[in-house]
Amino acid sequence: MTTTILRAADRIATPWKNGGGVTREIAVWPPEAGLDDFDWRISMAEVREAGAFSLFPDVDRCLTVIEGCLRLTFDDDTSVSLDAQSEPWAFPGDRTCHGQPLDGPVLDLNVMSRRGQFRSQVKRVSDTMWRPTGVASLLIALAPLTIVDDRASGGIRLVPLDAWLCHDPATPIDLAINGPALGIDILAL
């Protein structure tokens, strides 16, 4: 098993072409893949203004709001409002979607996976045991927290929005988490 700590402070902000926000990439596979050739990609976005989401053919998305409230309106006029307590929302990346921040800027987590090759599972976890199950698994801290497993003395400390990444766990491990986080598993099909 290979693990890496991905510090929030090290992420580079990429402004959107429409000026409505910025995106910070957390992890991508394969490494150095771009927006057209990734197998899976995890990023955070600051949504400051209303606008259309970029289309990603043959990609499935899962969006989780971390801060603020965001209304998503789809091409068939259905809409959903998501906030920091909402469950992650999955939808096809090639479906037309418009985002509208409600009452100020929004911070969200966006997990994208290449349809037919990978799928993602995203869930909110807190003060619990968590077992990574994917070919890649990430834990993103929503508050200061410590991750403890039976191989690490003292645990791994994360500040808000830091991520712990695990690739190809050879043997299942259980992690004790002492705070709120987002658990993400990328599963091969």
N, C-alpha and C. Protein backbone atom coordinates (compact mmCIF):
# COMPACT_ATOMS: atom_id res chain seq x y z
N MET A 1 0.84 -1.18 0.00
CA MET A 1 0.00 0.00 0.00
C MET A 1 0.88 1.24 0.00
N THR A 2 0.52 2.19 -0.82
CA THR A 2 1.22 3.46 -0.89
C THR A 2 0.29 4.55 -0.37
N THR A 3 0.77 5.34 0.59
CA THR A 3 -0.05 6.44 1.10
C THR A 3 0.70 7.75 0.93
N THR A 4 -0.06 8.82 0.74
CA THR A 4 0.50 10.15 0.56
C THR A 4 -0.41 11.15 1.26
N ILE A 5 0.19 12.15 1.88
CA ILE A 5 -0.59 13.27 2.43
C ILE A 5 -0.56 14.38 1.39
N LEU A 6 -1.73 14.85 1.01
CA LEU A 6 -1.87 15.93 0.03
C LEU A 6 -2.37 17.17 0.76
N ARG A 7 -1.46 18.08 1.03
CA ARG A 7 -1.78 19.26 1.83
C ARG A 7 -2.57 20.29 1.03
N ALA A 8 -3.61 20.81 1.63
CA ALA A 8 -4.45 21.82 0.99
C ALA A 8 -3.63 23.05 0.62
N ALA A 9 -2.67 23.41 1.45
CA ALA A 9 -1.85 24.60 1.21
C ALA A 9 -1.00 24.48 -0.05
N ASP A 10 -0.78 23.26 -0.55
CA ASP A 10 0.05 23.06 -1.73
C ASP A 10 -0.73 23.08 -3.04
N ARG A 11 -2.05 23.14 -2.98
CA ARG A 11 -2.86 23.09 -4.20
C ARG A 11 -2.84 24.43 -4.94
N ILE A 12 -2.77 24.34 -6.25
CA ILE A 12 -2.71 25.53 -7.10
C ILE A 12 -4.11 25.85 -7.61
N ALA A 13 -4.51 27.11 -7.46
CA ALA A 13 -5.83 27.56 -7.92
C ALA A 13 -5.78 27.84 -9.42
N THR A 14 -6.72 27.24 -10.16
CA THR A 14 -6.85 27.49 -11.60
C THR A 14 -8.15 28.25 -11.82
N PRO A 15 -8.04 29.52 -12.25
CA PRO A 15 -9.27 30.31 -12.49
C PRO A 15 -10.08 29.74 -13.65
N TRP A 16 -11.39 29.83 -13.53
CA TRP A 16 -12.28 29.40 -14.61
C TRP A 16 -12.25 30.43 -15.73
N LYS A 17 -12.48 29.97 -16.94
CA LYS A 17 -12.50 30.87 -18.11
C LYS A 17 -13.57 31.93 -17.98
N ASN A 18 -14.71 31.58 -17.34
CA ASN A 18 -15.80 32.56 -17.21
C ASN A 18 -15.64 33.49 -16.00
N GLY A 19 -14.58 33.29 -15.21
CA GLY A 19 -14.32 34.15 -14.06
C GLY A 19 -15.19 33.88 -12.85
N GLY A 20 -16.03 32.86 -12.90
CA GLY A 20 -16.98 32.61 -11.83
C GLY A 20 -16.46 31.80 -10.66
N GLY A 21 -15.19 31.39 -10.71
CA GLY A 21 -14.65 30.61 -9.62
C GLY A 21 -13.26 30.09 -9.93
N VAL A 22 -12.77 29.21 -9.07
CA VAL A 22 -11.46 28.58 -9.26
C VAL A 22 -11.58 27.10 -8.87
N THR A 23 -10.70 26.30 -9.45
CA THR A 23 -10.62 24.88 -9.12
C THR A 23 -9.22 24.56 -8.63
N ARG A 24 -9.14 23.68 -7.63
CA ARG A 24 -7.85 23.18 -7.14
C ARG A 24 -7.87 21.65 -7.24
N GLU A 25 -6.98 21.11 -8.07
CA GLU A 25 -6.91 19.66 -8.23
C GLU A 25 -6.28 19.04 -6.99
N ILE A 26 -6.90 17.95 -6.51
CA ILE A 26 -6.38 17.21 -5.36
C ILE A 26 -5.59 16.01 -5.82
N ALA A 27 -6.19 15.21 -6.72
CA ALA A 27 -5.52 14.01 -7.23
C ALA A 27 -6.11 13.66 -8.58
N VAL A 28 -5.28 13.03 -9.43
CA VAL A 28 -5.72 12.62 -10.76
C VAL A 28 -4.99 11.34 -11.14
N TRP A 29 -5.67 10.50 -11.94
CA TRP A 29 -5.03 9.28 -12.46
C TRP A 29 -5.34 9.16 -13.93
N PRO A 30 -4.33 8.86 -14.74
CA PRO A 30 -2.93 8.71 -14.38
C PRO A 30 -2.31 10.06 -14.00
N PRO A 31 -1.18 10.00 -13.28
CA PRO A 31 -0.53 11.24 -12.88
C PRO A 31 -0.27 12.13 -14.10
N GLU A 32 -0.45 13.41 -13.92
CA GLU A 32 -0.23 14.42 -14.97
C GLU A 32 -1.29 14.40 -16.07
N ALA A 33 -2.36 13.61 -15.92
CA ALA A 33 -3.43 13.59 -16.92
C ALA A 33 -4.11 14.95 -16.96
N GLY A 34 -4.60 15.31 -18.12
CA GLY A 34 -5.33 16.55 -18.29
C GLY A 34 -6.83 16.32 -18.23
N LEU A 35 -7.60 17.36 -18.53
CA LEU A 35 -9.05 17.28 -18.44
C LEU A 35 -9.67 16.37 -19.50
N ASP A 36 -8.92 16.04 -20.55
CA ASP A 36 -9.46 15.19 -21.61
C ASP A 36 -9.05 13.72 -21.49
N ASP A 37 -8.05 13.41 -20.66
CA ASP A 37 -7.53 12.03 -20.67
C ASP A 37 -7.37 11.40 -19.29
N PHE A 38 -8.05 11.91 -18.27
CA PHE A 38 -7.96 11.30 -16.95
C PHE A 38 -8.84 10.06 -16.87
N ASP A 39 -8.46 9.12 -16.00
CA ASP A 39 -9.32 7.98 -15.66
C ASP A 39 -10.24 8.38 -14.51
N TRP A 40 -9.66 9.08 -13.54
CA TRP A 40 -10.44 9.67 -12.46
C TRP A 40 -9.74 10.94 -11.99
N ARG A 41 -10.53 11.86 -11.44
CA ARG A 41 -10.00 13.16 -11.00
C ARG A 41 -10.81 13.64 -9.82
N ILE A 42 -10.10 14.17 -8.82
CA ILE A 42 -10.74 14.72 -7.62
C ILE A 42 -10.25 16.15 -7.46
N SER A 43 -11.19 17.07 -7.29
CA SER A 43 -10.83 18.49 -7.17
C SER A 43 -11.82 19.19 -6.25
N MET A 44 -11.42 20.40 -5.83
CA MET A 44 -12.30 21.28 -5.08
C MET A 44 -12.49 22.54 -5.89
N ALA A 45 -13.69 23.08 -5.81
CA ALA A 45 -13.99 24.32 -6.54
C ALA A 45 -14.59 25.34 -5.60
N GLU A 46 -14.20 26.59 -5.83
CA GLU A 46 -14.85 27.73 -5.19
C GLU A 46 -15.77 28.32 -6.24
N VAL A 47 -17.07 28.24 -6.00
CA VAL A 47 -18.06 28.75 -6.94
C VAL A 47 -18.52 30.10 -6.41
N ARG A 48 -18.20 31.16 -7.16
CA ARG A 48 -18.53 32.51 -6.72
C ARG A 48 -19.73 33.09 -7.45
N GLU A 49 -19.95 32.63 -8.69
CA GLU A 49 -21.03 33.17 -9.51
C GLU A 49 -21.77 32.04 -10.20
N ALA A 50 -23.01 32.30 -10.58
CA ALA A 50 -23.79 31.32 -11.31
C ALA A 50 -23.18 31.07 -12.68
N GLY A 51 -23.32 29.83 -13.16
CA GLY A 51 -22.82 29.51 -14.49
C GLY A 51 -23.00 28.05 -14.83
N ALA A 52 -22.77 27.74 -16.11
CA ALA A 52 -22.89 26.37 -16.60
C ALA A 52 -21.67 25.56 -16.19
N PHE A 53 -21.89 24.31 -15.84
CA PHE A 53 -20.80 23.39 -15.57
C PHE A 53 -20.17 22.98 -16.90
N SER A 54 -18.88 22.72 -16.90
CA SER A 54 -18.22 22.18 -18.08
C SER A 54 -18.75 20.78 -18.34
N LEU A 55 -18.89 20.45 -19.62
CA LEU A 55 -19.35 19.11 -19.99
C LEU A 55 -18.16 18.16 -20.10
N PHE A 56 -18.32 16.95 -19.59
CA PHE A 56 -17.30 15.91 -19.66
C PHE A 56 -17.94 14.64 -20.23
N PRO A 57 -17.84 14.43 -21.56
CA PRO A 57 -18.42 13.23 -22.16
C PRO A 57 -17.82 11.96 -21.56
N ASP A 58 -18.67 10.96 -21.37
CA ASP A 58 -18.26 9.63 -20.87
C ASP A 58 -17.64 9.68 -19.48
N VAL A 59 -18.05 10.66 -18.69
CA VAL A 59 -17.56 10.82 -17.31
C VAL A 59 -18.75 10.91 -16.37
N ASP A 60 -18.65 10.27 -15.23
CA ASP A 60 -19.65 10.42 -14.17
C ASP A 60 -19.09 11.32 -13.09
N ARG A 61 -19.95 12.18 -12.54
CA ARG A 61 -19.53 13.14 -11.52
C ARG A 61 -20.25 12.86 -10.21
N CYS A 62 -19.58 13.22 -9.12
CA CYS A 62 -20.22 13.21 -7.81
C CYS A 62 -19.80 14.50 -7.12
N LEU A 63 -20.76 15.33 -6.78
CA LEU A 63 -20.50 16.64 -6.20
C LEU A 63 -20.96 16.66 -4.74
N THR A 64 -20.09 17.17 -3.87
CA THR A 64 -20.41 17.29 -2.45
C THR A 64 -20.11 18.72 -2.01
N VAL A 65 -21.09 19.40 -1.46
CA VAL A 65 -20.88 20.76 -0.96
C VAL A 65 -20.22 20.70 0.41
N ILE A 66 -19.14 21.46 0.57
CA ILE A 66 -18.41 21.53 1.83
C ILE A 66 -18.81 22.78 2.62
N GLU A 67 -18.96 23.89 1.91
CA GLU A 67 -19.38 25.16 2.52
C GLU A 67 -20.37 25.85 1.60
N GLY A 68 -21.39 26.49 2.19
CA GLY A 68 -22.36 27.24 1.40
C GLY A 68 -23.51 26.39 0.93
N CYS A 69 -24.26 26.93 -0.02
CA CYS A 69 -25.41 26.24 -0.58
C CYS A 69 -25.41 26.47 -2.10
N LEU A 70 -25.61 25.39 -2.85
CA LEU A 70 -25.53 25.44 -4.31
C LEU A 70 -26.78 24.79 -4.90
N ARG A 71 -27.44 25.52 -5.80
CA ARG A 71 -28.57 24.93 -6.53
C ARG A 71 -28.06 24.47 -7.89
N LEU A 72 -28.32 23.19 -8.20
CA LEU A 72 -28.00 22.63 -9.51
C LEU A 72 -29.30 22.52 -10.29
N THR A 73 -29.30 23.03 -11.53
CA THR A 73 -30.45 22.91 -12.41
C THR A 73 -29.99 22.19 -13.67
N PHE A 74 -30.72 21.14 -14.03
CA PHE A 74 -30.33 20.30 -15.15
C PHE A 74 -31.15 20.62 -16.40
N ASP A 75 -30.75 20.03 -17.53
CA ASP A 75 -31.34 20.33 -18.83
C ASP A 75 -32.83 20.01 -18.91
N ASP A 76 -33.36 19.18 -18.03
CA ASP A 76 -34.80 18.89 -18.04
C ASP A 76 -35.55 19.75 -17.02
N ASP A 77 -34.89 20.80 -16.53
CA ASP A 77 -35.44 21.75 -15.55
C ASP A 77 -35.62 21.17 -14.15
N THR A 78 -35.12 19.96 -13.88
CA THR A 78 -35.10 19.49 -12.51
C THR A 78 -33.98 20.22 -11.78
N SER A 79 -34.17 20.41 -10.49
CA SER A 79 -33.13 21.08 -9.72
C SER A 79 -33.03 20.47 -8.33
N VAL A 80 -31.86 20.67 -7.73
CA VAL A 80 -31.62 20.21 -6.37
C VAL A 80 -30.75 21.26 -5.70
N SER A 81 -31.00 21.52 -4.43
CA SER A 81 -30.16 22.43 -3.65
C SER A 81 -29.34 21.59 -2.67
N LEU A 82 -28.05 21.82 -2.65
CA LEU A 82 -27.12 21.08 -1.80
C LEU A 82 -26.42 22.03 -0.85
N ASP A 83 -26.24 21.59 0.39
CA ASP A 83 -25.48 22.37 1.36
C ASP A 83 -24.48 21.45 2.07
N ALA A 84 -23.85 21.97 3.12
CA ALA A 84 -22.78 21.23 3.81
C ALA A 84 -23.29 20.03 4.60
N GLN A 85 -24.60 19.83 4.69
CA GLN A 85 -25.14 18.64 5.34
C GLN A 85 -25.70 17.64 4.32
N SER A 86 -25.80 18.03 3.07
CA SER A 86 -26.39 17.18 2.04
C SER A 86 -25.49 16.00 1.72
N GLU A 87 -26.12 14.92 1.30
CA GLU A 87 -25.37 13.77 0.82
C GLU A 87 -24.74 14.11 -0.53
N PRO A 88 -23.66 13.45 -0.90
CA PRO A 88 -23.07 13.66 -2.23
C PRO A 88 -24.11 13.42 -3.33
N TRP A 89 -24.00 14.19 -4.42
CA TRP A 89 -24.96 14.12 -5.52
C TRP A 89 -24.26 13.66 -6.79
N ALA A 90 -24.67 12.52 -7.33
CA ALA A 90 -24.06 11.95 -8.53
C ALA A 90 -24.90 12.29 -9.76
N PHE A 91 -24.20 12.59 -10.88
CA PHE A 91 -24.89 12.85 -12.15
C PHE A 91 -23.90 12.67 -13.30
N PRO A 92 -24.40 12.43 -14.50
CA PRO A 92 -23.51 12.26 -15.66
C PRO A 92 -22.80 13.58 -16.00
N GLY A 93 -21.52 13.49 -16.27
CA GLY A 93 -20.74 14.68 -16.61
C GLY A 93 -21.06 15.25 -17.98
N ASP A 94 -21.79 14.49 -18.80
CA ASP A 94 -22.18 15.00 -20.11
C ASP A 94 -23.62 15.51 -20.11
N ARG A 95 -24.19 15.67 -18.92
CA ARG A 95 -25.53 16.24 -18.79
C ARG A 95 -25.39 17.73 -18.52
N THR A 96 -26.13 18.54 -19.25
CA THR A 96 -26.07 19.99 -19.06
C THR A 96 -26.55 20.35 -17.65
N CYS A 97 -25.72 21.12 -16.95
CA CYS A 97 -26.02 21.50 -15.57
C CYS A 97 -25.59 22.94 -15.34
N HIS A 98 -26.41 23.68 -14.63
CA HIS A 98 -26.14 25.07 -14.27
C HIS A 98 -26.07 25.15 -12.74
N GLY A 99 -25.04 25.79 -12.21
CA GLY A 99 -24.90 25.95 -10.77
C GLY A 99 -25.16 27.38 -10.33
N GLN A 100 -25.91 27.54 -9.25
CA GLN A 100 -26.22 28.86 -8.70
C GLN A 100 -25.91 28.87 -7.21
N PRO A 101 -24.83 29.60 -6.80
CA PRO A 101 -24.58 29.72 -5.36
C PRO A 101 -25.72 30.51 -4.71
N LEU A 102 -26.15 30.06 -3.56
CA LEU A 102 -27.22 30.74 -2.81
C LEU A 102 -26.60 31.36 -1.56
N ASP A 103 -26.79 32.63 -1.36
CA ASP A 103 -26.31 33.31 -0.16
C ASP A 103 -24.79 33.31 -0.02
N GLY A 104 -24.07 33.48 -1.12
CA GLY A 104 -22.62 33.62 -1.05
C GLY A 104 -21.86 32.48 -1.71
N PRO A 105 -20.53 32.56 -1.70
CA PRO A 105 -19.69 31.57 -2.37
C PRO A 105 -19.87 30.16 -1.80
N VAL A 106 -19.54 29.17 -2.62
CA VAL A 106 -19.67 27.76 -2.27
C VAL A 106 -18.32 27.08 -2.46
N LEU A 107 -17.99 26.18 -1.57
CA LEU A 107 -16.82 25.30 -1.73
C LEU A 107 -17.37 23.90 -1.91
N ASP A 108 -16.97 23.24 -3.01
CA ASP A 108 -17.45 21.88 -3.24
C ASP A 108 -16.33 20.94 -3.63
N LEU A 109 -16.61 19.66 -3.45
CA LEU A 109 -15.70 18.59 -3.86
C LEU A 109 -16.32 17.94 -5.09
N ASN A 110 -15.51 17.76 -6.12
CA ASN A 110 -15.97 17.17 -7.37
C ASN A 110 -15.14 15.92 -7.66
N VAL A 111 -15.79 14.77 -7.72
CA VAL A 111 -15.12 13.52 -8.05
C VAL A 111 -15.63 13.08 -9.41
N MET A 112 -14.72 12.89 -10.37
CA MET A 112 -15.09 12.48 -11.72
C MET A 112 -14.39 11.17 -12.05
N SER A 113 -15.13 10.26 -12.68
CA SER A 113 -14.55 8.97 -13.07
C SER A 113 -15.00 8.62 -14.48
N ARG A 114 -14.07 8.01 -15.23
CA ARG A 114 -14.34 7.63 -16.61
C ARG A 114 -15.36 6.50 -16.64
N ARG A 115 -16.51 6.76 -17.24
CA ARG A 115 -17.62 5.81 -17.30
C ARG A 115 -17.17 4.51 -17.98
N GLY A 116 -17.55 3.38 -17.39
CA GLY A 116 -17.21 2.08 -17.94
C GLY A 116 -15.86 1.55 -17.50
N GLN A 117 -15.04 2.40 -16.86
CA GLN A 117 -13.72 1.98 -16.37
C GLN A 117 -13.62 2.05 -14.85
N PHE A 118 -14.17 3.14 -14.29
CA PHE A 118 -14.12 3.37 -12.85
C PHE A 118 -15.45 3.93 -12.39
N ARG A 119 -15.70 3.82 -11.09
CA ARG A 119 -16.82 4.50 -10.46
C ARG A 119 -16.35 4.96 -9.09
N SER A 120 -17.05 5.94 -8.55
CA SER A 120 -16.66 6.47 -7.25
C SER A 120 -17.76 6.26 -6.22
N GLN A 121 -17.34 6.20 -4.97
CA GLN A 121 -18.24 6.21 -3.83
C GLN A 121 -17.74 7.31 -2.91
N VAL A 122 -18.62 8.24 -2.58
CA VAL A 122 -18.26 9.35 -1.70
C VAL A 122 -19.25 9.34 -0.54
N LYS A 123 -18.72 9.48 0.68
CA LYS A 123 -19.63 9.54 1.83
C LYS A 123 -19.02 10.43 2.92
N ARG A 124 -19.90 10.99 3.71
CA ARG A 124 -19.48 11.77 4.87
C ARG A 124 -19.22 10.79 6.01
N VAL A 125 -18.08 10.94 6.68
CA VAL A 125 -17.73 10.09 7.81
C VAL A 125 -17.29 10.98 8.97
N SER A 126 -17.48 10.52 10.20
CA SER A 126 -17.06 11.30 11.37
C SER A 126 -16.93 10.40 12.58
N ASP A 127 -15.84 10.57 13.29
CA ASP A 127 -15.62 9.86 14.56
C ASP A 127 -15.98 8.38 14.43
N THR A 128 -15.33 7.70 13.52
CA THR A 128 -15.71 6.34 13.21
C THR A 128 -14.51 5.55 12.70
N MET A 129 -14.76 4.31 12.35
CA MET A 129 -13.78 3.49 11.64
C MET A 129 -14.12 3.59 10.16
N TRP A 130 -13.10 3.68 9.32
CA TRP A 130 -13.29 3.76 7.88
C TRP A 130 -12.31 2.81 7.21
N ARG A 131 -12.79 2.03 6.28
CA ARG A 131 -11.94 1.07 5.57
C ARG A 131 -11.86 1.47 4.10
N PRO A 132 -10.66 1.87 3.62
CA PRO A 132 -10.51 2.15 2.20
C PRO A 132 -10.72 0.87 1.40
N THR A 133 -11.51 0.96 0.31
CA THR A 133 -11.82 -0.24 -0.46
C THR A 133 -11.51 -0.10 -1.95
N GLY A 134 -11.05 1.04 -2.40
CA GLY A 134 -10.86 1.25 -3.82
C GLY A 134 -9.44 1.01 -4.29
N VAL A 135 -9.25 1.07 -5.61
CA VAL A 135 -7.89 1.05 -6.16
C VAL A 135 -7.17 2.32 -5.73
N ALA A 136 -7.95 3.35 -5.43
CA ALA A 136 -7.46 4.56 -4.78
C ALA A 136 -8.54 5.00 -3.81
N SER A 137 -8.13 5.43 -2.62
CA SER A 137 -9.06 5.92 -1.61
C SER A 137 -8.50 7.19 -1.01
N LEU A 138 -9.37 8.15 -0.76
CA LEU A 138 -8.96 9.42 -0.16
C LEU A 138 -9.84 9.71 1.02
N LEU A 139 -9.24 10.35 2.00
CA LEU A 139 -9.96 10.87 3.14
C LEU A 139 -9.64 12.36 3.19
N ILE A 140 -10.66 13.22 3.12
CA ILE A 140 -10.45 14.66 3.13
C ILE A 140 -10.99 15.22 4.44
N ALA A 141 -10.13 15.86 5.20
CA ALA A 141 -10.50 16.41 6.50
C ALA A 141 -11.41 17.62 6.33
N LEU A 142 -12.50 17.65 7.09
CA LEU A 142 -13.38 18.81 7.10
C LEU A 142 -13.15 19.66 8.35
N ALA A 143 -12.34 19.17 9.25
CA ALA A 143 -11.92 19.87 10.47
C ALA A 143 -10.58 19.22 10.86
N PRO A 144 -9.86 19.79 11.82
CA PRO A 144 -8.62 19.11 12.23
C PRO A 144 -8.96 17.69 12.70
N LEU A 145 -8.20 16.72 12.22
CA LEU A 145 -8.44 15.35 12.64
C LEU A 145 -7.17 14.52 12.60
N THR A 146 -7.24 13.37 13.25
CA THR A 146 -6.13 12.42 13.28
C THR A 146 -6.64 11.10 12.73
N ILE A 147 -5.83 10.48 11.88
CA ILE A 147 -6.12 9.15 11.33
C ILE A 147 -5.17 8.18 12.02
N VAL A 148 -5.72 7.11 12.56
CA VAL A 148 -4.88 6.12 13.25
C VAL A 148 -5.17 4.75 12.66
N ASP A 149 -4.09 4.03 12.33
CA ASP A 149 -4.23 2.61 12.00
C ASP A 149 -3.22 1.85 12.84
N ASP A 150 -3.30 0.53 12.84
CA ASP A 150 -2.45 -0.26 13.74
C ASP A 150 -0.98 -0.25 13.36
N ARG A 151 -0.63 0.39 12.22
CA ARG A 151 0.78 0.43 11.80
C ARG A 151 1.44 1.77 12.08
N ALA A 152 0.65 2.79 12.41
CA ALA A 152 1.20 4.14 12.58
C ALA A 152 1.17 4.54 14.04
N SER A 153 2.31 4.86 14.58
CA SER A 153 2.35 5.33 15.97
C SER A 153 2.02 6.82 16.00
N GLY A 154 1.08 7.19 16.84
CA GLY A 154 0.73 8.59 16.99
C GLY A 154 -0.27 9.10 15.98
N GLY A 155 -0.44 8.43 14.89
CA GLY A 155 -1.43 8.82 13.89
C GLY A 155 -0.94 9.88 12.94
N ILE A 156 -1.77 10.15 11.96
CA ILE A 156 -1.50 11.16 10.94
C ILE A 156 -2.43 12.32 11.19
N ARG A 157 -1.88 13.51 11.31
CA ARG A 157 -2.69 14.69 11.60
C ARG A 157 -2.95 15.48 10.32
N LEU A 158 -4.21 15.82 10.14
CA LEU A 158 -4.62 16.61 8.98
C LEU A 158 -5.31 17.88 9.45
N VAL A 159 -5.06 18.97 8.73
CA VAL A 159 -5.80 20.21 8.97
C VAL A 159 -6.95 20.24 7.97
N PRO A 160 -7.92 21.13 8.16
CA PRO A 160 -9.06 21.15 7.24
C PRO A 160 -8.64 21.22 5.77
N LEU A 161 -9.25 20.36 4.98
CA LEU A 161 -9.11 20.22 3.53
C LEU A 161 -7.85 19.48 3.10
N ASP A 162 -6.97 19.08 4.04
CA ASP A 162 -5.88 18.17 3.70
C ASP A 162 -6.49 16.83 3.30
N ALA A 163 -5.75 16.06 2.50
CA ALA A 163 -6.23 14.75 2.08
C ALA A 163 -5.18 13.68 2.34
N TRP A 164 -5.66 12.50 2.70
CA TRP A 164 -4.83 11.30 2.85
C TRP A 164 -5.21 10.40 1.69
N LEU A 165 -4.23 10.01 0.86
CA LEU A 165 -4.46 9.20 -0.33
C LEU A 165 -3.80 7.85 -0.17
N CYS A 166 -4.53 6.80 -0.49
CA CYS A 166 -4.04 5.43 -0.43
C CYS A 166 -4.25 4.78 -1.79
N HIS A 167 -3.18 4.22 -2.36
CA HIS A 167 -3.26 3.49 -3.63
C HIS A 167 -3.14 2.00 -3.38
N ASP A 168 -3.98 1.23 -4.04
CA ASP A 168 -3.91 -0.23 -4.05
C ASP A 168 -3.58 -0.85 -2.70
N PRO A 169 -4.49 -0.75 -1.72
CA PRO A 169 -4.22 -1.39 -0.44
C PRO A 169 -4.08 -2.90 -0.61
N ALA A 170 -2.90 -3.44 -0.23
CA ALA A 170 -2.63 -4.87 -0.37
C ALA A 170 -3.48 -5.69 0.60
N THR A 171 -3.64 -5.16 1.79
CA THR A 171 -4.49 -5.81 2.78
C THR A 171 -5.44 -4.77 3.34
N PRO A 172 -6.67 -5.15 3.61
CA PRO A 172 -7.62 -4.18 4.15
C PRO A 172 -7.13 -3.63 5.49
N ILE A 173 -7.32 -2.35 5.68
CA ILE A 173 -6.99 -1.74 6.96
C ILE A 173 -8.20 -0.95 7.43
N ASP A 174 -8.33 -0.84 8.72
CA ASP A 174 -9.36 0.00 9.31
C ASP A 174 -8.68 1.22 9.90
N LEU A 175 -9.24 2.37 9.60
CA LEU A 175 -8.69 3.63 10.11
C LEU A 175 -9.65 4.21 11.13
N ALA A 176 -9.12 4.64 12.25
CA ALA A 176 -9.92 5.36 13.24
C ALA A 176 -9.82 6.85 12.91
N ILE A 177 -10.95 7.52 12.83
CA ILE A 177 -11.01 8.94 12.48
C ILE A 177 -11.67 9.67 13.62
N ASN A 178 -11.05 10.76 14.09
CA ASN A 178 -11.62 11.47 15.23
C ASN A 178 -12.20 12.82 14.86
N GLY A 179 -12.77 12.93 13.68
CA GLY A 179 -13.39 14.17 13.26
C GLY A 179 -14.14 13.99 11.96
N PRO A 180 -14.79 15.05 11.46
CA PRO A 180 -15.56 14.94 10.22
C PRO A 180 -14.64 14.92 9.00
N ALA A 181 -15.03 14.09 8.02
CA ALA A 181 -14.24 13.96 6.79
C ALA A 181 -15.13 13.48 5.66
N LEU A 182 -14.58 13.53 4.46
CA LEU A 182 -15.21 12.91 3.31
C LEU A 182 -14.37 11.70 2.92
N GLY A 183 -15.00 10.54 2.83
CA GLY A 183 -14.33 9.31 2.41
C GLY A 183 -14.65 9.03 0.96
N ILE A 184 -13.64 8.84 0.14
CA ILE A 184 -13.81 8.63 -1.30
C ILE A 184 -13.10 7.33 -1.69
N ASP A 185 -13.83 6.46 -2.37
CA ASP A 185 -13.23 5.25 -2.93
C ASP A 185 -13.41 5.29 -4.45
N ILE A 186 -12.33 5.05 -5.18
CA ILE A 186 -12.36 4.92 -6.63
C ILE A 186 -12.28 3.42 -6.91
N LEU A 187 -13.31 2.88 -7.55
CA LEU A 187 -13.40 1.45 -7.79
C LEU A 187 -13.25 1.14 -9.27
N ALA A 188 -12.42 0.15 -9.58
CA ALA A 188 -12.27 -0.28 -10.98
C ALA A 188 -13.43 -1.18 -11.35
N LEU A 189 -13.89 -1.08 -12.57
CA LEU A 189 -15.01 -1.92 -13.04
C LEU A 189 -14.47 -3.13 -13.78
